[in-house]
Amino acid sequence: MILLFTDYGHGGPYLGEVEAAIARLAPAERVIRLMADAPRNDPRRSACLLAALSAGLPPGAIFFCVVDPGVGTEADPPVVLDLGGRRFVGPDNGLFDLAARRSEVRSACRIDWRPASLSASFHGRDLYAPVCAMLALDRPFACTPFPWQDRHGWPDDLWEVIYVDGFGNAMTGVRASRLGPGTRLSAGGRTLDSARTFAEVPAGRPFWYVNSSGLVELAVNGGSAASVLGLAVGDPVQPLA
C-alpha cells in the first residue's frame, strides 16, 4: 500500500492529482490517505506525527510524505529512506528524522530521476508520486545511495501541542512511554491527571491519556480540550513532579 502523509488539506485538487499520478503508473496499487492536514509548512511537528503513525505499519508500506515549505529549491534533496522495509519518499527536510532515529535498520538514496515535465511548485505530483508508483512496481529509477544523517536535531519528544483534531483533542509530541505512572501534566493553566479512557473522567473535566498512536493527548470528556484549556498548536505542555 501507498500511504499519503501531507499538509495539503482535504480541499482543493492536490490529493486527487497525486492519486491520479500514482494511478497512471500503478493503477492496481492501494492508496490510503493517512494524513492530509499535518502541521502546515512545519516538518518538525510533522516529524513527530509521521514517526508515531508509521511505527505500527508493516514492511512493504510506501509512504508519500510532503510537508515542504522549500518546494522547488535545492535545499532539501528528494530522497527514498528505507526503514526495515518501510520506504519513505519525500524531501530530506527533517520530516523523516524521528522515524529514522527510532529504526535500527535504515538506508537512503537521493532521487536522481526526473520526469519530462517537473512543476516548480508541485513536486508531490510530478516527482514523488511517480517514484512511489515505481517502488510499488519494483521498477528501477536513478537513485544514488548515501549515508543517512540526522540534519536537524529535532528533540526526541516535543513538549507542546502539535495537532488539534476535529473534536478539540490536543495531541502532543511526547511519547507516553516516556512518562511514569501517575504523572500529572500542566497545560493551559490547569493541572491534568491521566486516565485510560474518556469514561473514567467526569464530564467536562480535562485530562490526558495515551492515544492510539502512543502519544500523550489532552482531552475533555464530552468537550473540547482546545476550547476549555485555550490550546493551539505550539502551546507548551509540562510534566509536574
Protein backbone atom coordinates (compact mmCIF):
# COMPACT_ATOMS: atom_id res chain seq x y z
CA MET A 1 0.00 0.00 0.00
CA ILE A 2 1.00 3.61 -0.62
CA LEU A 3 0.15 5.94 2.24
CA LEU A 4 -0.14 9.71 1.76
CA PHE A 5 1.11 11.96 4.56
CA THR A 6 0.81 15.63 3.61
CA ASP A 7 -0.12 19.13 4.71
CA TYR A 8 -2.17 19.67 1.53
CA GLY A 9 -5.51 19.78 3.36
CA HIS A 10 -8.69 17.97 2.39
CA GLY A 11 -9.95 20.64 -0.02
CA GLY A 12 -8.67 21.53 -3.44
CA PRO A 13 -7.26 19.33 -6.21
CA TYR A 14 -3.89 18.38 -4.71
CA LEU A 15 -4.60 14.98 -3.18
CA GLY A 16 -6.61 13.95 -6.20
CA GLU A 17 -3.80 14.95 -8.55
CA VAL A 18 -1.30 12.90 -6.54
CA GLU A 19 -3.60 9.88 -6.55
CA ALA A 20 -4.09 10.24 -10.30
CA ALA A 21 -0.33 10.44 -10.87
CA ILE A 22 0.15 7.20 -8.94
CA ALA A 23 -2.74 5.53 -10.74
CA ARG A 24 -1.31 6.35 -14.17
CA LEU A 25 1.68 4.12 -13.45
CA ALA A 26 0.32 1.69 -10.85
CA PRO A 27 -3.48 1.52 -11.14
CA ALA A 28 -3.73 -1.66 -9.05
CA GLU A 29 -1.96 -0.21 -6.01
CA ARG A 30 -3.98 0.69 -2.96
CA VAL A 31 -3.55 4.36 -1.99
CA ILE A 32 -4.53 5.42 1.54
CA ARG A 33 -4.80 8.98 2.84
CA LEU A 34 -3.00 8.55 6.15
CA MET A 35 -2.96 12.27 6.97
CA ALA A 36 -3.83 15.27 4.82
CA ASP A 37 -3.68 18.03 7.44
CA ALA A 38 -0.26 17.62 9.01
CA PRO A 39 1.05 20.86 10.56
CA ARG A 40 1.37 23.12 7.54
CA ASN A 41 4.89 24.02 6.41
CA ASP A 42 6.16 22.51 9.66
CA PRO A 43 8.48 19.49 9.23
CA ARG A 44 9.46 19.49 12.92
CA ARG A 45 5.99 18.91 14.36
CA SER A 46 5.02 16.76 11.39
CA ALA A 47 8.03 14.53 12.07
CA CYS A 48 6.54 13.62 15.45
CA LEU A 49 3.25 12.64 13.85
CA LEU A 50 4.83 10.70 11.00
CA ALA A 51 7.06 8.70 13.35
CA ALA A 52 4.09 7.79 15.54
CA LEU A 53 1.63 6.98 12.74
CA SER A 54 4.07 4.91 10.70
CA ALA A 55 5.50 2.87 13.58
CA GLY A 56 2.91 0.09 13.50
CA LEU A 57 2.76 -0.34 9.74
CA PRO A 58 4.42 -3.36 8.14
CA PRO A 59 7.41 -3.77 5.83
CA GLY A 60 6.38 -3.16 2.26
CA ALA A 61 4.45 0.01 3.07
CA ILE A 62 5.43 3.02 0.96
CA PHE A 63 4.95 6.49 2.42
CA PHE A 64 4.44 9.50 0.19
CA CYS A 65 5.45 12.34 2.51
CA VAL A 66 5.28 16.02 1.66
CA VAL A 67 5.41 18.81 4.22
CA ASP A 68 7.76 21.04 2.33
CA PRO A 69 7.95 24.82 2.73
CA GLY A 70 11.03 24.77 0.47
CA VAL A 71 9.49 23.04 -2.55
CA GLY A 72 11.24 23.99 -5.78
CA THR A 73 14.57 24.76 -4.09
CA GLU A 74 17.68 22.62 -3.85
CA ALA A 75 17.96 22.97 -0.05
CA ASP A 76 16.22 19.68 0.71
CA PRO A 77 17.03 16.97 -1.84
CA PRO A 78 14.39 14.35 -2.74
CA VAL A 79 15.13 11.02 -1.08
CA VAL A 80 13.95 7.48 -0.50
CA LEU A 81 14.55 6.31 3.04
CA ASP A 82 14.22 2.58 3.79
CA LEU A 83 13.50 1.76 7.43
CA GLY A 84 13.43 -2.01 7.69
CA GLY A 85 11.37 -2.42 4.54
CA ARG A 86 9.11 0.59 5.09
CA ARG A 87 10.04 3.15 2.46
CA PHE A 88 9.58 6.90 2.85
CA VAL A 89 9.61 9.18 -0.18
CA GLY A 90 9.89 12.94 0.12
CA PRO A 91 12.19 15.88 0.83
CA ASP A 92 15.10 15.49 3.26
CA ASN A 93 13.99 18.45 5.36
CA GLY A 94 13.77 16.80 8.77
CA LEU A 95 10.39 15.18 8.18
CA PHE A 96 11.94 11.70 8.38
CA ASP A 97 14.46 12.32 11.15
CA LEU A 98 12.49 10.94 14.13
CA ALA A 99 11.25 7.86 12.29
CA ALA A 100 14.82 7.14 11.17
CA ARG A 101 16.23 7.70 14.65
CA ARG A 102 13.86 5.07 16.05
CA SER A 103 14.74 2.44 13.45
CA GLU A 104 17.67 0.07 13.85
CA VAL A 105 17.80 -0.62 10.10
CA ARG A 106 17.95 2.24 7.63
CA SER A 107 19.36 3.08 4.22
CA ALA A 108 18.86 6.05 1.96
CA CYS A 109 19.29 7.23 -1.60
CA ARG A 110 18.91 10.58 -3.32
CA ILE A 111 16.41 10.57 -6.16
CA ASP A 112 18.21 11.49 -9.38
CA TRP A 113 15.34 10.56 -11.69
CA ARG A 114 13.32 13.47 -13.05
CA PRO A 115 10.14 13.41 -15.13
CA ALA A 116 9.98 15.00 -18.55
CA SER A 117 7.91 17.81 -17.02
CA LEU A 118 8.52 18.96 -13.43
CA SER A 119 6.47 21.76 -11.92
CA ALA A 120 8.45 24.15 -9.74
CA SER A 121 5.67 24.16 -7.14
CA PHE A 122 4.23 20.62 -7.18
CA HIS A 123 6.98 18.05 -6.78
CA GLY A 124 4.48 15.86 -4.93
CA ARG A 125 2.51 15.18 -8.10
CA ASP A 126 5.35 15.24 -10.62
CA LEU A 127 8.26 13.63 -8.75
CA TYR A 128 7.31 11.87 -5.52
CA ALA A 129 4.08 10.25 -6.76
CA PRO A 130 5.73 8.53 -9.77
CA VAL A 131 8.64 7.39 -7.57
CA CYS A 132 6.18 5.79 -5.13
CA ALA A 133 4.48 4.03 -8.04
CA MET A 134 7.82 2.79 -9.40
CA LEU A 135 8.78 1.46 -5.97
CA ALA A 136 5.47 -0.38 -5.73
CA LEU A 137 6.07 -1.94 -9.15
CA ASP A 138 9.75 -2.74 -8.37
CA ARG A 139 10.62 -0.62 -11.39
CA PRO A 140 14.17 0.80 -11.27
CA PHE A 141 14.87 4.54 -11.37
CA ALA A 142 18.01 6.61 -10.92
CA CYS A 143 18.84 6.93 -7.25
CA THR A 144 22.24 7.44 -5.53
CA PRO A 145 22.82 5.80 -2.12
CA PHE A 146 24.18 7.99 0.66
CA PRO A 147 24.79 7.61 4.41
CA TRP A 148 21.71 8.86 6.23
CA GLN A 149 22.36 11.74 8.61
CA ASP A 150 20.06 13.47 11.06
CA ARG A 151 20.45 17.02 9.78
CA HIS A 152 18.16 18.96 12.11
CA GLY A 153 18.45 17.54 15.61
CA TRP A 154 14.75 17.65 16.47
CA PRO A 155 14.16 16.64 20.12
CA ASP A 156 13.10 13.04 20.72
CA ASP A 157 9.92 14.32 22.37
CA LEU A 158 8.31 17.69 21.69
CA TRP A 159 6.67 19.10 24.82
CA GLU A 160 3.97 21.07 23.09
CA VAL A 161 0.71 20.67 21.22
CA ILE A 162 1.45 19.53 17.67
CA TYR A 163 -2.06 18.85 16.35
CA VAL A 164 -5.68 19.58 17.29
CA ASP A 165 -8.27 17.23 15.85
CA GLY A 166 -11.89 17.88 14.93
CA PHE A 167 -13.06 17.00 18.46
CA GLY A 168 -10.72 19.55 20.02
CA ASN A 169 -8.37 16.92 21.40
CA ALA A 170 -4.82 18.26 21.57
CA MET A 171 -2.12 15.82 20.52
CA THR A 172 1.39 16.43 21.83
CA GLY A 173 4.78 15.41 20.52
CA VAL A 174 5.51 13.41 23.69
CA ARG A 175 5.64 9.62 23.63
CA ALA A 176 3.57 8.37 26.54
CA SER A 177 6.14 5.65 27.21
CA ARG A 178 8.45 8.42 28.46
CA LEU A 179 6.12 9.23 31.36
CA GLY A 180 5.91 7.35 34.63
CA PRO A 181 2.62 6.06 36.03
CA GLY A 182 0.56 8.76 37.69
CA THR A 183 2.42 11.64 36.00
CA ARG A 184 0.48 14.89 36.12
CA LEU A 185 0.78 17.49 33.39
CA SER A 186 0.33 21.23 33.22
CA ALA A 187 -1.31 22.77 30.15
CA GLY A 188 -3.43 25.84 29.59
CA GLY A 189 -3.01 26.90 33.21
CA ARG A 190 -4.58 23.67 34.51
CA THR A 191 -3.25 20.51 36.12
CA LEU A 192 -4.22 17.32 34.30
CA ASP A 193 -4.32 13.80 35.69
CA SER A 194 -4.16 10.78 33.44
CA ALA A 195 -6.97 8.39 32.57
CA ARG A 196 -7.12 5.30 30.41
CA THR A 197 -10.45 6.13 28.76
CA PHE A 198 -12.80 9.10 28.50
CA ALA A 199 -15.45 7.27 30.54
CA GLU A 200 -13.14 7.21 33.57
CA VAL A 201 -13.37 11.01 33.84
CA PRO A 202 -16.40 13.11 34.84
CA ALA A 203 -18.00 15.04 32.00
CA GLY A 204 -16.34 18.39 31.40
CA ARG A 205 -13.06 17.57 33.15
CA PRO A 206 -9.78 17.87 31.22
CA PHE A 207 -7.29 15.02 31.43
CA TRP A 208 -4.53 13.37 29.43
CA TYR A 209 -4.38 9.88 28.01
CA VAL A 210 -2.28 7.65 25.80
CA ASN A 211 -3.72 7.92 22.31
CA SER A 212 -3.87 5.14 19.77
CA SER A 213 -0.50 6.18 18.29
CA GLY A 214 1.26 6.13 21.66
CA LEU A 215 1.41 9.91 22.10
CA VAL A 216 0.22 11.99 25.03
CA GLU A 217 -3.09 13.61 24.14
CA LEU A 218 -5.08 16.19 26.09
CA ALA A 219 -8.84 15.85 26.13
CA VAL A 220 -12.08 16.77 27.88
CA ASN A 221 -14.78 14.18 28.39
CA GLY A 222 -17.71 15.43 26.34
CA GLY A 223 -15.96 18.64 25.36
CA SER A 224 -13.04 20.26 23.58
CA ALA A 225 -9.63 20.50 25.23
CA ALA A 226 -8.70 23.22 22.77
CA SER A 227 -11.65 25.36 23.94
CA VAL A 228 -11.64 24.52 27.65
CA LEU A 229 -7.87 24.92 28.03
CA GLY A 230 -7.43 27.55 25.33
CA LEU A 231 -4.91 25.39 23.48
CA ALA A 232 -3.50 25.74 19.97
CA VAL A 233 -0.62 24.18 18.08
CA GLY A 234 2.65 25.27 19.67
CA ASP A 235 1.33 25.74 23.20
CA PRO A 236 3.56 24.16 25.86
CA VAL A 237 2.83 21.10 27.98
CA GLN A 238 4.88 20.45 31.11
CA PRO A 239 5.27 17.47 33.45
CA LEU A 240 4.72 18.09 37.16
CA ALA A 241 6.81 16.49 39.89
